[in-house]
Amino acid sequence: VLADKGFISLDVEYIDGTKLLQKSEMRKNMVMDLIYRGFIYAANYSESHYNPRRSQIKTELRYLFVTTLNR
């Protein structure tokens, strides 16, 4: 009926699947961001309590998260 009036019918399953995928990607990015922030917070805490490996740890974490997110 709507097709006769010029409306295009859309595949509801495709739209739902796309929305779920977008939500899944958003959740994944949020979790990765929280983990990254937690590690950086821990590294900064270690800095205030003198940890000679702090800068090395932060560099490794940045590399890990940048390469992981770009896959």
PDB file of N, CA and C in Angstrom:
ATOM      1  N   VAL A   1       0.838  -1.194   0.000  1.00  0.00           N
ATOM      2  CA  VAL A   1       0.000   0.000   0.000  1.00  0.00           C
ATOM      3  C   VAL A   1       0.875   1.247   0.000  1.00  0.00           C
ATOM      4  N   LEU A   2       1.884   1.279   0.891  1.00  0.00           N
ATOM      5  CA  LEU A   2       2.759   2.445   0.947  1.00  0.00           C
ATOM      6  C   LEU A   2       3.623   2.574  -0.305  1.00  0.00           C
ATOM      7  N   ALA A   3       3.959   1.418  -0.920  1.00  0.00           N
ATOM      8  CA  ALA A   3       4.773   1.444  -2.136  1.00  0.00           C
ATOM      9  C   ALA A   3       4.027   2.165  -3.259  1.00  0.00           C
ATOM     10  N   ASP A   4       2.709   2.046  -3.272  1.00  0.00           N
ATOM     11  CA  ASP A   4       1.908   2.738  -4.292  1.00  0.00           C
ATOM     12  C   ASP A   4       1.973   4.253  -4.123  1.00  0.00           C
ATOM     13  N   LYS A   5       2.200   4.708  -2.909  1.00  0.00           N
ATOM     14  CA  LYS A   5       2.233   6.145  -2.631  1.00  0.00           C
ATOM     15  C   LYS A   5       3.650   6.717  -2.725  1.00  0.00           C
ATOM     16  N   GLY A   6       4.599   5.906  -3.173  1.00  0.00           N
ATOM     17  CA  GLY A   6       5.956   6.412  -3.359  1.00  0.00           C
ATOM     18  C   GLY A   6       6.896   6.101  -2.212  1.00  0.00           C
ATOM     19  N   PHE A   7       6.419   5.408  -1.195  1.00  0.00           N
ATOM     20  CA  PHE A   7       7.288   5.038  -0.081  1.00  0.00           C
ATOM     21  C   PHE A   7       8.076   3.784  -0.435  1.00  0.00           C
ATOM     22  N   ILE A   8       9.292   3.732   0.006  1.00  0.00           N
ATOM     23  CA  ILE A   8      10.125   2.556  -0.239  1.00  0.00           C
ATOM     24  C   ILE A   8      10.108   1.705   1.014  1.00  0.00           C
ATOM     25  N   SER A   9       9.814   0.421   0.855  1.00  0.00           N
ATOM     26  CA  SER A   9       9.825  -0.462   2.023  1.00  0.00           C
ATOM     27  C   SER A   9      11.265  -0.858   2.328  1.00  0.00           C
ATOM     28  N   LEU A  10      11.615  -0.852   3.577  1.00  0.00           N
ATOM     29  CA  LEU A  10      12.966  -1.204   4.005  1.00  0.00           C
ATOM     30  C   LEU A  10      12.945  -2.529   4.738  1.00  0.00           C
ATOM     31  N   ASP A  11      14.023  -3.248   4.630  1.00  0.00           N
ATOM     32  CA  ASP A  11      14.139  -4.526   5.327  1.00  0.00           C
ATOM     33  C   ASP A  11      14.388  -4.250   6.807  1.00  0.00           C
ATOM     34  N   VAL A  12      13.405  -4.531   7.644  1.00  0.00           N
ATOM     35  CA  VAL A  12      13.486  -4.228   9.073  1.00  0.00           C
ATOM     36  C   VAL A  12      14.621  -5.004   9.735  1.00  0.00           C
ATOM     37  N   GLU A  13      14.824  -6.246   9.328  1.00  0.00           N
ATOM     38  CA  GLU A  13      15.895  -7.049   9.925  1.00  0.00           C
ATOM     39  C   GLU A  13      17.257  -6.430   9.650  1.00  0.00           C
ATOM     40  N   TYR A  14      17.448  -5.895   8.451  1.00  0.00           N
ATOM     41  CA  TYR A  14      18.719  -5.255   8.106  1.00  0.00           C
ATOM     42  C   TYR A  14      18.957  -4.034   8.988  1.00  0.00           C
ATOM     43  N   ILE A  15      17.919  -3.226   9.169  1.00  0.00           N
ATOM     44  CA  ILE A  15      18.053  -2.025   9.998  1.00  0.00           C
ATOM     45  C   ILE A  15      18.358  -2.414  11.438  1.00  0.00           C
ATOM     46  N   ASP A  16      17.627  -3.392  11.983  1.00  0.00           N
ATOM     47  CA  ASP A  16      17.869  -3.834  13.355  1.00  0.00           C
ATOM     48  C   ASP A  16      19.286  -4.368  13.512  1.00  0.00           C
ATOM     49  N   GLY A  17      19.748  -5.137  12.530  1.00  0.00           N
ATOM     50  CA  GLY A  17      21.102  -5.677  12.584  1.00  0.00           C
ATOM     51  C   GLY A  17      22.146  -4.584  12.556  1.00  0.00           C
ATOM     52  N   THR A  18      21.901  -3.565  11.739  1.00  0.00           N
ATOM     53  CA  THR A  18      22.833  -2.438  11.654  1.00  0.00           C
ATOM     54  C   THR A  18      22.883  -1.685  12.969  1.00  0.00           C
ATOM     55  N   LYS A  19      21.714  -1.451  13.563  1.00  0.00           N
ATOM     56  CA  LYS A  19      21.667  -0.740  14.841  1.00  0.00           C
ATOM     57  C   LYS A  19      22.388  -1.528  15.929  1.00  0.00           C
ATOM     58  N   LEU A  20      22.178  -2.847  15.936  1.00  0.00           N
ATOM     59  CA  LEU A  20      22.849  -3.681  16.936  1.00  0.00           C
ATOM     60  C   LEU A  20      24.359  -3.639  16.751  1.00  0.00           C
ATOM     61  N   LEU A  21      24.804  -3.668  15.496  1.00  0.00           N
ATOM     62  CA  LEU A  21      26.235  -3.609  15.220  1.00  0.00           C
ATOM     63  C   LEU A  21      26.806  -2.276  15.680  1.00  0.00           C
ATOM     64  N   GLN A  22      26.085  -1.189  15.412  1.00  0.00           N
ATOM     65  CA  GLN A  22      26.550   0.127  15.842  1.00  0.00           C
ATOM     66  C   GLN A  22      26.632   0.191  17.361  1.00  0.00           C
ATOM     67  N   LYS A  23      25.624  -0.334  18.048  1.00  0.00           N
ATOM     68  CA  LYS A  23      25.637  -0.337  19.513  1.00  0.00           C
ATOM     69  C   LYS A  23      26.785  -1.189  20.032  1.00  0.00           C
ATOM     70  N   SER A  24      27.020  -2.317  19.385  1.00  0.00           N
ATOM     71  CA  SER A  24      28.114  -3.197  19.788  1.00  0.00           C
ATOM     72  C   SER A  24      29.458  -2.496  19.628  1.00  0.00           C
ATOM     73  N   GLU A  25      29.638  -1.802  18.508  1.00  0.00           N
ATOM     74  CA  GLU A  25      30.882  -1.061  18.274  1.00  0.00           C
ATOM     75  C   GLU A  25      31.039   0.051  19.305  1.00  0.00           C
ATOM     76  N   MET A  26      29.943   0.729  19.632  1.00  0.00           N
ATOM     77  CA  MET A  26      30.002   1.800  20.621  1.00  0.00           C
ATOM     78  C   MET A  26      30.398   1.240  21.985  1.00  0.00           C
ATOM     79  N   ARG A  27      29.801   0.106  22.356  1.00  0.00           N
ATOM     80  CA  ARG A  27      30.142  -0.514  23.641  1.00  0.00           C
ATOM     81  C   ARG A  27      31.604  -0.920  23.663  1.00  0.00           C
ATOM     82  N   LYS A  28      32.061  -1.515  22.569  1.00  0.00           N
ATOM     83  CA  LYS A  28      33.457  -1.948  22.482  1.00  0.00           C
ATOM     84  C   LYS A  28      34.392  -0.752  22.643  1.00  0.00           C
ATOM     85  N   ASN A  29      34.086   0.339  21.958  1.00  0.00           N
ATOM     86  CA  ASN A  29      34.924   1.533  22.055  1.00  0.00           C
ATOM     87  C   ASN A  29      34.897   2.122  23.458  1.00  0.00           C
ATOM     88  N   MET A  30      33.723   2.101  24.098  1.00  0.00           N
ATOM     89  CA  MET A  30      33.623   2.625  25.460  1.00  0.00           C
ATOM     90  C   MET A  30      34.447   1.779  26.424  1.00  0.00           C
ATOM     91  N   VAL A  31      34.362   0.462  26.284  1.00  0.00           N
ATOM     92  CA  VAL A  31      35.122  -0.434  27.159  1.00  0.00           C
ATOM     93  C   VAL A  31      36.616  -0.231  26.948  1.00  0.00           C
ATOM     94  N   MET A  32      37.040  -0.139  25.682  1.00  0.00           N
ATOM     95  CA  MET A  32      38.462   0.074  25.392  1.00  0.00           C
ATOM     96  C   MET A  32      38.939   1.395  25.991  1.00  0.00           C
ATOM     97  N   ASP A  33      38.097   2.426  25.886  1.00  0.00           N
ATOM     98  CA  ASP A  33      38.455   3.733  26.429  1.00  0.00           C
ATOM     99  C   ASP A  33      38.581   3.671  27.947  1.00  0.00           C
ATOM    100  N   LEU A  34      37.649   2.992  28.608  1.00  0.00           N
ATOM    101  CA  LEU A  34      37.710   2.867  30.065  1.00  0.00           C
ATOM    102  C   LEU A  34      38.945   2.086  30.510  1.00  0.00           C
ATOM    103  N   ILE A  35      39.267   1.020  29.791  1.00  0.00           N
ATOM    104  CA  ILE A  35      40.463   0.237  30.128  1.00  0.00           C
ATOM    105  C   ILE A  35      41.707   1.093  29.957  1.00  0.00           C
ATOM    106  N   TYR A  36      41.780   1.819  28.831  1.00  0.00           N
ATOM    107  CA  TYR A  36      42.934   2.683  28.563  1.00  0.00           C
ATOM    108  C   TYR A  36      43.081   3.729  29.663  1.00  0.00           C
ATOM    109  N   ARG A  37      41.967   4.379  30.012  1.00  0.00           N
ATOM    110  CA  ARG A  37      42.018   5.402  31.065  1.00  0.00           C
ATOM    111  C   ARG A  37      42.458   4.804  32.399  1.00  0.00           C
ATOM    112  N   GLY A  38      41.992   3.596  32.675  1.00  0.00           N
ATOM    113  CA  GLY A  38      42.388   2.935  33.919  1.00  0.00           C
ATOM    114  C   GLY A  38      43.879   2.667  33.971  1.00  0.00           C
ATOM    115  N   PHE A  39      44.434   2.183  32.854  1.00  0.00           N
ATOM    116  CA  PHE A  39      45.872   1.931  32.816  1.00  0.00           C
ATOM    117  C   PHE A  39      46.671   3.227  32.934  1.00  0.00           C
ATOM    118  N   ILE A  40      46.219   4.282  32.260  1.00  0.00           N
ATOM    119  CA  ILE A  40      46.917   5.563  32.336  1.00  0.00           C
ATOM    120  C   ILE A  40      46.829   6.116  33.759  1.00  0.00           C
ATOM    121  N   TYR A  41      45.657   5.981  34.389  1.00  0.00           N
ATOM    122  CA  TYR A  41      45.507   6.423  35.775  1.00  0.00           C
ATOM    123  C   TYR A  41      46.488   5.674  36.671  1.00  0.00           C
ATOM    124  N   ALA A  42      46.583   4.364  36.471  1.00  0.00           N
ATOM    125  CA  ALA A  42      47.509   3.559  37.275  1.00  0.00           C
ATOM    126  C   ALA A  42      48.952   3.974  37.020  1.00  0.00           C
ATOM    127  N   ALA A  43      49.280   4.265  35.760  1.00  0.00           N
ATOM    128  CA  ALA A  43      50.641   4.694  35.431  1.00  0.00           C
ATOM    129  C   ALA A  43      50.942   6.046  36.064  1.00  0.00           C
ATOM    130  N   ASN A  44      49.966   6.952  36.047  1.00  0.00           N
ATOM    131  CA  ASN A  44      50.167   8.263  36.675  1.00  0.00           C
ATOM    132  C   ASN A  44      50.307   8.123  38.187  1.00  0.00           C
ATOM    133  N   TYR A  45      49.538   7.229  38.784  1.00  0.00           N
ATOM    134  CA  TYR A  45      49.654   6.974  40.216  1.00  0.00           C
ATOM    135  C   TYR A  45      51.050   6.447  40.531  1.00  0.00           C
ATOM    136  N   SER A  46      51.529   5.538  39.697  1.00  0.00           N
ATOM    137  CA  SER A  46      52.869   4.986  39.901  1.00  0.00           C
ATOM    138  C   SER A  46      53.929   6.067  39.788  1.00  0.00           C
ATOM    139  N   GLU A  47      53.685   7.038  38.893  1.00  0.00           N
ATOM    140  CA  GLU A  47      54.648   8.124  38.718  1.00  0.00           C
ATOM    141  C   GLU A  47      54.808   8.898  40.023  1.00  0.00           C
ATOM    142  N   SER A  48      53.698   9.147  40.703  1.00  0.00           N
ATOM    143  CA  SER A  48      53.780   9.909  41.945  1.00  0.00           C
ATOM    144  C   SER A  48      54.433   9.094  43.059  1.00  0.00           C
ATOM    145  N   HIS A  49      54.529   7.779  42.860  1.00  0.00           N
ATOM    146  CA  HIS A  49      55.197   6.923  43.840  1.00  0.00           C
ATOM    147  C   HIS A  49      56.489   6.346  43.275  1.00  0.00           C
ATOM    148  N   TYR A  50      57.077   7.071  42.341  1.00  0.00           N
ATOM    149  CA  TYR A  50      58.322   6.744  41.649  1.00  0.00           C
ATOM    150  C   TYR A  50      58.378   5.325  41.105  1.00  0.00           C
ATOM    151  N   ASN A  51      58.161   5.252  39.851  1.00  0.00           N
ATOM    152  CA  ASN A  51      58.307   3.993  39.126  1.00  0.00           C
ATOM    153  C   ASN A  51      59.109   4.302  37.866  1.00  0.00           C
ATOM    154  N   PRO A  52      60.347   3.839  37.799  1.00  0.00           N
ATOM    155  CA  PRO A  52      61.189   4.183  36.641  1.00  0.00           C
ATOM    156  C   PRO A  52      60.644   3.659  35.308  1.00  0.00           C
ATOM    157  N   ARG A  53      59.742   2.685  35.359  1.00  0.00           N
ATOM    158  CA  ARG A  53      59.197   2.137  34.117  1.00  0.00           C
ATOM    159  C   ARG A  53      57.934   2.859  33.662  1.00  0.00           C
ATOM    160  N   ARG A  54      57.508   3.883  34.391  1.00  0.00           N
ATOM    161  CA  ARG A  54      56.232   4.530  34.085  1.00  0.00           C
ATOM    162  C   ARG A  54      56.135   5.008  32.641  1.00  0.00           C
ATOM    163  N   SER A  55      57.135   5.752  32.170  1.00  0.00           N
ATOM    164  CA  SER A  55      57.048   6.286  30.814  1.00  0.00           C
ATOM    165  C   SER A  55      57.067   5.160  29.785  1.00  0.00           C
ATOM    166  N   GLN A  56      57.818   4.115  30.058  1.00  0.00           N
ATOM    167  CA  GLN A  56      57.853   2.967  29.147  1.00  0.00           C
ATOM    168  C   GLN A  56      56.479   2.290  29.106  1.00  0.00           C
ATOM    169  N   ILE A  57      55.859   2.142  30.271  1.00  0.00           N
ATOM    170  CA  ILE A  57      54.535   1.513  30.349  1.00  0.00           C
ATOM    171  C   ILE A  57      53.513   2.343  29.570  1.00  0.00           C
ATOM    172  N   LYS A  58      53.529   3.670  29.762  1.00  0.00           N
ATOM    173  CA  LYS A  58      52.569   4.525  29.067  1.00  0.00           C
ATOM    174  C   LYS A  58      52.771   4.462  27.558  1.00  0.00           C
ATOM    175  N   THR A  59      54.022   4.446  27.126  1.00  0.00           N
ATOM    176  CA  THR A  59      54.304   4.360  25.689  1.00  0.00           C
ATOM    177  C   THR A  59      53.788   3.042  25.126  1.00  0.00           C
ATOM    178  N   GLU A  60      54.040   1.949  25.837  1.00  0.00           N
ATOM    179  CA  GLU A  60      53.577   0.638  25.375  1.00  0.00           C
ATOM    180  C   GLU A  60      52.055   0.587  25.313  1.00  0.00           C
ATOM    181  N   LEU A  61      51.390   1.174  26.304  1.00  0.00           N
ATOM    182  CA  LEU A  61      49.930   1.174  26.318  1.00  0.00           C
ATOM    183  C   LEU A  61      49.367   1.987  25.162  1.00  0.00           C
ATOM    184  N   ARG A  62      49.959   3.155  24.916  1.00  0.00           N
ATOM    185  CA  ARG A  62      49.483   3.975  23.800  1.00  0.00           C
ATOM    186  C   ARG A  62      49.620   3.208  22.492  1.00  0.00           C
ATOM    187  N   TYR A  63      50.758   2.553  22.298  1.00  0.00           N
ATOM    188  CA  TYR A  63      50.976   1.778  21.074  1.00  0.00           C
ATOM    189  C   TYR A  63      49.952   0.646  20.970  1.00  0.00           C
ATOM    190  N   LEU A  64      49.737  -0.042  22.083  1.00  0.00           N
ATOM    191  CA  LEU A  64      48.795  -1.162  22.099  1.00  0.00           C
ATOM    192  C   LEU A  64      47.396  -0.707  21.704  1.00  0.00           C
ATOM    193  N   PHE A  65      46.917   0.383  22.324  1.00  0.00           N
ATOM    194  CA  PHE A  65      45.553   0.821  22.070  1.00  0.00           C
ATOM    195  C   PHE A  65      45.396   1.450  20.696  1.00  0.00           C
ATOM    196  N   VAL A  66      46.398   2.157  20.226  1.00  0.00           N
ATOM    197  CA  VAL A  66      46.296   2.761  18.898  1.00  0.00           C
ATOM    198  C   VAL A  66      46.261   1.677  17.835  1.00  0.00           C
ATOM    199  N   THR A  67      47.112   0.671  17.965  1.00  0.00           N
ATOM    200  CA  THR A  67      47.128  -0.394  16.957  1.00  0.00           C
ATOM    201  C   THR A  67      45.889  -1.277  17.066  1.00  0.00           C
ATOM    202  N   THR A  68      45.365  -1.467  18.276  1.00  0.00           N
ATOM    203  CA  THR A  68      44.173  -2.305  18.456  1.00  0.00           C
ATOM    204  C   THR A  68      42.940  -1.636  17.857  1.00  0.00           C
ATOM    205  N   LEU A  69      42.782  -0.334  18.073  1.00  0.00           N
ATOM    206  CA  LEU A  69      41.592   0.369  17.601  1.00  0.00           C
ATOM    207  C   LEU A  69      41.577   0.524  16.087  1.00  0.00           C
ATOM    208  N   ASN A  70      42.732   0.476  15.460  1.00  0.00           N
ATOM    209  CA  ASN A  70      42.783   0.665  14.007  1.00  0.00           C
ATOM    210  C   ASN A  70      42.603  -0.623  13.228  1.00  0.00           C
ATOM    211  N   ARG A  71      42.434  -1.731  13.907  1.00  0.00           N
ATOM    212  CA  ARG A  71      42.262  -3.012  13.194  1.00  0.00           C
ATOM    213  C   ARG A  71      40.878  -3.157  12.633  1.00  0.00           C
TER     214      ARG A  71
END
